[in-house]
N, C-alpha and C. Protein backbone atom coordinates (compact mmCIF):
# COMPACT_ATOMS: atom_id res chain seq x y z
N MET A 1 0.85 -1.17 0.00
CA MET A 1 0.00 0.00 0.00
C MET A 1 0.90 1.23 0.00
N GLU A 2 0.59 2.16 -0.87
CA GLU A 2 1.34 3.41 -0.94
C GLU A 2 0.36 4.58 -0.90
N ILE A 3 0.71 5.60 -0.12
CA ILE A 3 -0.12 6.79 -0.01
C ILE A 3 0.74 8.01 -0.28
N ASN A 4 0.25 8.92 -1.12
CA ASN A 4 0.94 10.17 -1.43
C ASN A 4 0.00 11.34 -1.17
N LEU A 5 0.57 12.43 -0.69
CA LEU A 5 -0.19 13.66 -0.49
C LEU A 5 0.28 14.69 -1.51
N ILE A 6 -0.68 15.35 -2.14
CA ILE A 6 -0.38 16.46 -3.03
C ILE A 6 -0.91 17.70 -2.31
N THR A 7 0.02 18.52 -1.87
CA THR A 7 -0.33 19.68 -1.06
C THR A 7 -0.05 20.97 -1.81
N PRO A 8 -0.71 22.03 -1.43
CA PRO A 8 -0.43 23.32 -2.06
C PRO A 8 0.95 23.82 -1.64
N THR A 9 1.55 24.62 -2.50
CA THR A 9 2.88 25.17 -2.18
C THR A 9 2.79 26.29 -1.17
N GLY A 10 1.63 26.88 -1.01
CA GLY A 10 1.44 27.95 -0.04
C GLY A 10 -0.01 28.05 0.34
N PHE A 11 -0.28 28.81 1.38
CA PHE A 11 -1.64 28.99 1.86
C PHE A 11 -1.98 30.47 1.87
N ARG A 12 -3.23 30.76 1.62
CA ARG A 12 -3.69 32.14 1.72
C ARG A 12 -3.90 32.50 3.18
N ARG A 13 -3.62 33.72 3.51
CA ARG A 13 -3.78 34.16 4.89
C ARG A 13 -5.19 34.64 5.19
N ASP A 14 -6.05 34.65 4.18
CA ASP A 14 -7.42 35.15 4.39
C ASP A 14 -8.37 34.05 4.87
N GLY A 15 -7.86 32.87 5.17
CA GLY A 15 -8.68 31.80 5.72
C GLY A 15 -9.37 30.93 4.69
N ARG A 16 -9.17 31.20 3.40
CA ARG A 16 -9.79 30.34 2.39
C ARG A 16 -9.14 28.96 2.41
N PRO A 17 -9.94 27.89 2.29
CA PRO A 17 -9.38 26.55 2.32
C PRO A 17 -8.59 26.25 1.05
N ALA A 18 -7.60 25.38 1.21
CA ALA A 18 -6.76 24.95 0.09
C ALA A 18 -7.05 23.48 -0.19
N PRO A 19 -7.01 23.06 -1.46
CA PRO A 19 -7.23 21.65 -1.77
C PRO A 19 -6.03 20.80 -1.36
N LEU A 20 -6.33 19.60 -0.93
CA LEU A 20 -5.32 18.61 -0.55
C LEU A 20 -5.77 17.30 -1.18
N ILE A 21 -4.91 16.67 -1.95
CA ILE A 21 -5.28 15.42 -2.62
C ILE A 21 -4.51 14.27 -2.00
N VAL A 22 -5.24 13.22 -1.63
CA VAL A 22 -4.64 12.00 -1.09
C VAL A 22 -4.75 10.93 -2.17
N GLU A 23 -3.60 10.47 -2.65
CA GLU A 23 -3.56 9.38 -3.63
C GLU A 23 -3.17 8.09 -2.91
N TYR A 24 -3.83 6.99 -3.25
CA TYR A 24 -3.47 5.72 -2.64
C TYR A 24 -3.49 4.62 -3.71
N GLU A 25 -2.65 3.60 -3.50
CA GLU A 25 -2.52 2.52 -4.47
C GLU A 25 -2.14 1.23 -3.74
N ASN A 26 -2.72 0.13 -4.21
CA ASN A 26 -2.30 -1.19 -3.73
C ASN A 26 -1.07 -1.58 -4.55
N THR A 27 0.10 -1.48 -3.95
CA THR A 27 1.34 -1.80 -4.65
C THR A 27 1.74 -3.26 -4.47
N GLY A 28 0.94 -4.01 -3.74
CA GLY A 28 1.24 -5.43 -3.53
C GLY A 28 0.74 -6.28 -4.69
N ASN A 29 0.80 -7.60 -4.49
CA ASN A 29 0.37 -8.50 -5.56
C ASN A 29 -0.84 -9.35 -5.18
N VAL A 30 -1.55 -8.93 -4.11
CA VAL A 30 -2.79 -9.61 -3.71
C VAL A 30 -3.85 -8.57 -3.38
N ASP A 31 -5.11 -9.00 -3.47
CA ASP A 31 -6.22 -8.12 -3.07
C ASP A 31 -6.07 -7.78 -1.59
N ILE A 32 -6.46 -6.53 -1.24
CA ILE A 32 -6.50 -6.15 0.18
C ILE A 32 -7.87 -5.54 0.48
N PRO A 33 -8.34 -5.69 1.71
CA PRO A 33 -9.57 -5.00 2.08
C PRO A 33 -9.35 -3.49 1.95
N ALA A 34 -10.38 -2.76 1.58
CA ALA A 34 -10.26 -1.31 1.46
C ALA A 34 -9.72 -0.77 2.77
N PRO A 35 -8.56 -0.11 2.74
CA PRO A 35 -7.94 0.34 3.98
C PRO A 35 -8.66 1.56 4.56
N LEU A 36 -8.68 1.64 5.87
CA LEU A 36 -9.17 2.83 6.56
C LEU A 36 -7.99 3.78 6.67
N ILE A 37 -8.08 4.92 6.01
CA ILE A 37 -7.00 5.90 5.99
C ILE A 37 -7.37 7.03 6.93
N GLU A 38 -6.44 7.37 7.81
CA GLU A 38 -6.65 8.50 8.72
C GLU A 38 -5.59 9.55 8.43
N LEU A 39 -6.04 10.75 8.24
CA LEU A 39 -5.14 11.88 7.99
C LEU A 39 -5.30 12.85 9.16
N THR A 40 -4.18 13.24 9.76
CA THR A 40 -4.19 14.15 10.89
C THR A 40 -3.41 15.40 10.52
N ALA A 41 -3.92 16.54 10.89
CA ALA A 41 -3.25 17.82 10.63
C ALA A 41 -3.09 18.58 11.94
N THR A 42 -1.92 19.18 12.10
CA THR A 42 -1.65 20.03 13.25
C THR A 42 -1.68 21.48 12.80
N ASN A 43 -2.32 22.33 13.56
CA ASN A 43 -2.49 23.75 13.23
C ASN A 43 -3.24 23.96 11.91
N ALA A 44 -4.15 23.06 11.63
CA ALA A 44 -5.00 23.15 10.44
C ALA A 44 -6.24 22.31 10.68
N ARG A 45 -7.29 22.61 9.92
CA ARG A 45 -8.52 21.83 9.98
C ARG A 45 -8.77 21.20 8.62
N LEU A 46 -9.42 20.04 8.62
CA LEU A 46 -9.68 19.28 7.40
C LEU A 46 -11.18 19.10 7.20
N ARG A 47 -11.56 18.93 5.93
CA ARG A 47 -12.95 18.54 5.63
C ARG A 47 -13.01 17.83 4.29
N LEU A 48 -14.01 16.97 4.15
CA LEU A 48 -14.30 16.32 2.87
C LEU A 48 -15.09 17.29 2.01
N PRO A 49 -15.07 17.12 0.68
CA PRO A 49 -15.77 18.06 -0.21
C PRO A 49 -17.26 18.22 0.09
N ASP A 50 -17.93 17.15 0.51
CA ASP A 50 -19.36 17.21 0.75
C ASP A 50 -19.73 17.66 2.16
N ASP A 51 -18.73 17.80 3.02
CA ASP A 51 -18.99 18.24 4.40
C ASP A 51 -19.15 19.75 4.46
N ALA A 52 -20.04 20.20 5.30
CA ALA A 52 -20.26 21.64 5.44
C ALA A 52 -19.26 22.29 6.37
N TYR A 53 -18.71 21.49 7.31
CA TYR A 53 -17.84 22.07 8.33
C TYR A 53 -16.51 21.34 8.39
N PHE A 54 -15.50 22.02 8.87
CA PHE A 54 -14.19 21.43 9.11
C PHE A 54 -14.22 20.64 10.41
N THR A 55 -13.34 19.64 10.53
CA THR A 55 -13.25 18.83 11.74
C THR A 55 -12.23 19.42 12.70
N GLY A 56 -12.31 19.03 13.94
CA GLY A 56 -11.30 19.38 14.93
C GLY A 56 -11.40 20.80 15.44
N ASP A 57 -10.37 21.16 16.19
CA ASP A 57 -10.30 22.51 16.74
C ASP A 57 -9.16 23.26 16.04
N PHE A 58 -8.67 24.30 16.67
CA PHE A 58 -7.66 25.12 16.02
C PHE A 58 -6.24 24.58 16.18
N THR A 59 -6.06 23.48 16.92
CA THR A 59 -4.72 22.93 17.07
C THR A 59 -4.54 21.59 16.38
N LYS A 60 -5.62 20.81 16.24
CA LYS A 60 -5.48 19.48 15.64
C LYS A 60 -6.79 19.05 15.00
N SER A 61 -6.67 18.36 13.88
CA SER A 61 -7.83 17.88 13.15
C SER A 61 -7.50 16.50 12.57
N ALA A 62 -8.48 15.63 12.50
CA ALA A 62 -8.28 14.31 11.91
C ALA A 62 -9.52 13.94 11.09
N ILE A 63 -9.28 13.19 10.05
CA ILE A 63 -10.38 12.74 9.19
C ILE A 63 -10.07 11.32 8.75
N GLN A 64 -11.10 10.48 8.64
CA GLN A 64 -10.95 9.10 8.21
C GLN A 64 -11.82 8.84 6.99
N PHE A 65 -11.32 7.97 6.11
CA PHE A 65 -12.10 7.54 4.95
C PHE A 65 -11.57 6.20 4.47
N LEU A 66 -12.40 5.47 3.74
CA LEU A 66 -12.00 4.19 3.19
C LEU A 66 -11.31 4.38 1.84
N GLY A 67 -10.21 3.67 1.65
CA GLY A 67 -9.49 3.70 0.37
C GLY A 67 -10.13 2.71 -0.59
N ILE A 68 -11.20 3.14 -1.23
CA ILE A 68 -11.95 2.25 -2.12
C ILE A 68 -11.46 2.38 -3.56
N ALA A 69 -11.81 1.38 -4.35
CA ALA A 69 -11.50 1.39 -5.78
C ALA A 69 -12.71 1.93 -6.54
N GLN A 70 -12.49 2.43 -7.74
CA GLN A 70 -13.58 2.94 -8.57
C GLN A 70 -14.34 1.81 -9.27
N GLU A 71 -13.69 0.66 -9.42
CA GLU A 71 -14.35 -0.47 -10.08
C GLU A 71 -13.90 -1.76 -9.42
N GLY A 72 -14.65 -2.83 -9.68
CA GLY A 72 -14.34 -4.11 -9.06
C GLY A 72 -15.22 -4.33 -7.84
N PRO A 73 -14.93 -5.40 -7.11
CA PRO A 73 -15.77 -5.73 -5.96
C PRO A 73 -15.70 -4.65 -4.88
N ALA A 74 -16.82 -4.40 -4.23
CA ALA A 74 -16.88 -3.39 -3.17
C ALA A 74 -16.01 -3.82 -2.00
N GLY A 75 -15.31 -2.86 -1.42
CA GLY A 75 -14.51 -3.14 -0.24
C GLY A 75 -13.19 -3.81 -0.50
N VAL A 76 -12.78 -3.89 -1.77
CA VAL A 76 -11.52 -4.55 -2.12
C VAL A 76 -10.69 -3.62 -2.99
N LEU A 77 -9.41 -3.57 -2.69
CA LEU A 77 -8.46 -2.83 -3.52
C LEU A 77 -7.53 -3.87 -4.14
N ARG A 78 -7.67 -4.08 -5.44
CA ARG A 78 -6.90 -5.10 -6.13
C ARG A 78 -5.47 -4.61 -6.43
N PRO A 79 -4.55 -5.52 -6.71
CA PRO A 79 -3.18 -5.11 -7.02
C PRO A 79 -3.16 -4.11 -8.18
N GLY A 80 -2.42 -3.03 -7.99
CA GLY A 80 -2.30 -2.01 -9.03
C GLY A 80 -3.42 -0.99 -9.05
N GLN A 81 -4.50 -1.25 -8.34
CA GLN A 81 -5.59 -0.27 -8.32
C GLN A 81 -5.19 0.94 -7.51
N ARG A 82 -5.55 2.11 -8.02
CA ARG A 82 -5.26 3.37 -7.35
C ARG A 82 -6.46 4.28 -7.44
N ASN A 83 -6.49 5.23 -6.54
CA ASN A 83 -7.56 6.20 -6.54
C ASN A 83 -7.06 7.43 -5.79
N GLN A 84 -7.86 8.46 -5.79
CA GLN A 84 -7.52 9.66 -5.03
C GLN A 84 -8.77 10.28 -4.48
N ILE A 85 -8.60 11.06 -3.42
CA ILE A 85 -9.70 11.79 -2.83
C ILE A 85 -9.22 13.21 -2.56
N LYS A 86 -10.09 14.16 -2.82
CA LYS A 86 -9.76 15.56 -2.60
C LYS A 86 -10.37 16.01 -1.29
N LEU A 87 -9.55 16.59 -0.45
CA LEU A 87 -9.97 17.16 0.83
C LEU A 87 -9.69 18.64 0.80
N TYR A 88 -10.13 19.33 1.83
CA TYR A 88 -9.81 20.75 1.97
C TYR A 88 -9.12 20.97 3.31
N LEU A 89 -8.13 21.83 3.29
CA LEU A 89 -7.31 22.14 4.43
C LEU A 89 -7.39 23.64 4.70
N SER A 90 -7.63 23.99 5.96
CA SER A 90 -7.69 25.40 6.34
C SER A 90 -6.69 25.62 7.48
N PRO A 91 -5.61 26.37 7.21
CA PRO A 91 -4.63 26.61 8.28
C PRO A 91 -5.22 27.43 9.40
N THR A 92 -4.78 27.17 10.62
CA THR A 92 -5.32 27.88 11.77
C THR A 92 -4.30 28.80 12.42
N SER A 93 -3.08 28.80 11.93
CA SER A 93 -2.07 29.71 12.49
C SER A 93 -1.18 30.25 11.39
């Protein structure tokens, strides 16, 4: 399993959220159950695109999601399958 973060090179100071992309891939050679991915941010808040509010407080935020595949059996990430999810990050300091 491999996970990569694509982060912005800078943040706006006006409080507007910045996109954060989490890419994940099954780099092994066997099927794996869809992994539960937890992303934690310090001095920032996180939210999913469909959420109305950011999680956490002004010092720490965490968000969890399943690393699912776009096709194939539900709940399984086959070898070589990859996907990405877009989150939003709002710095707090």
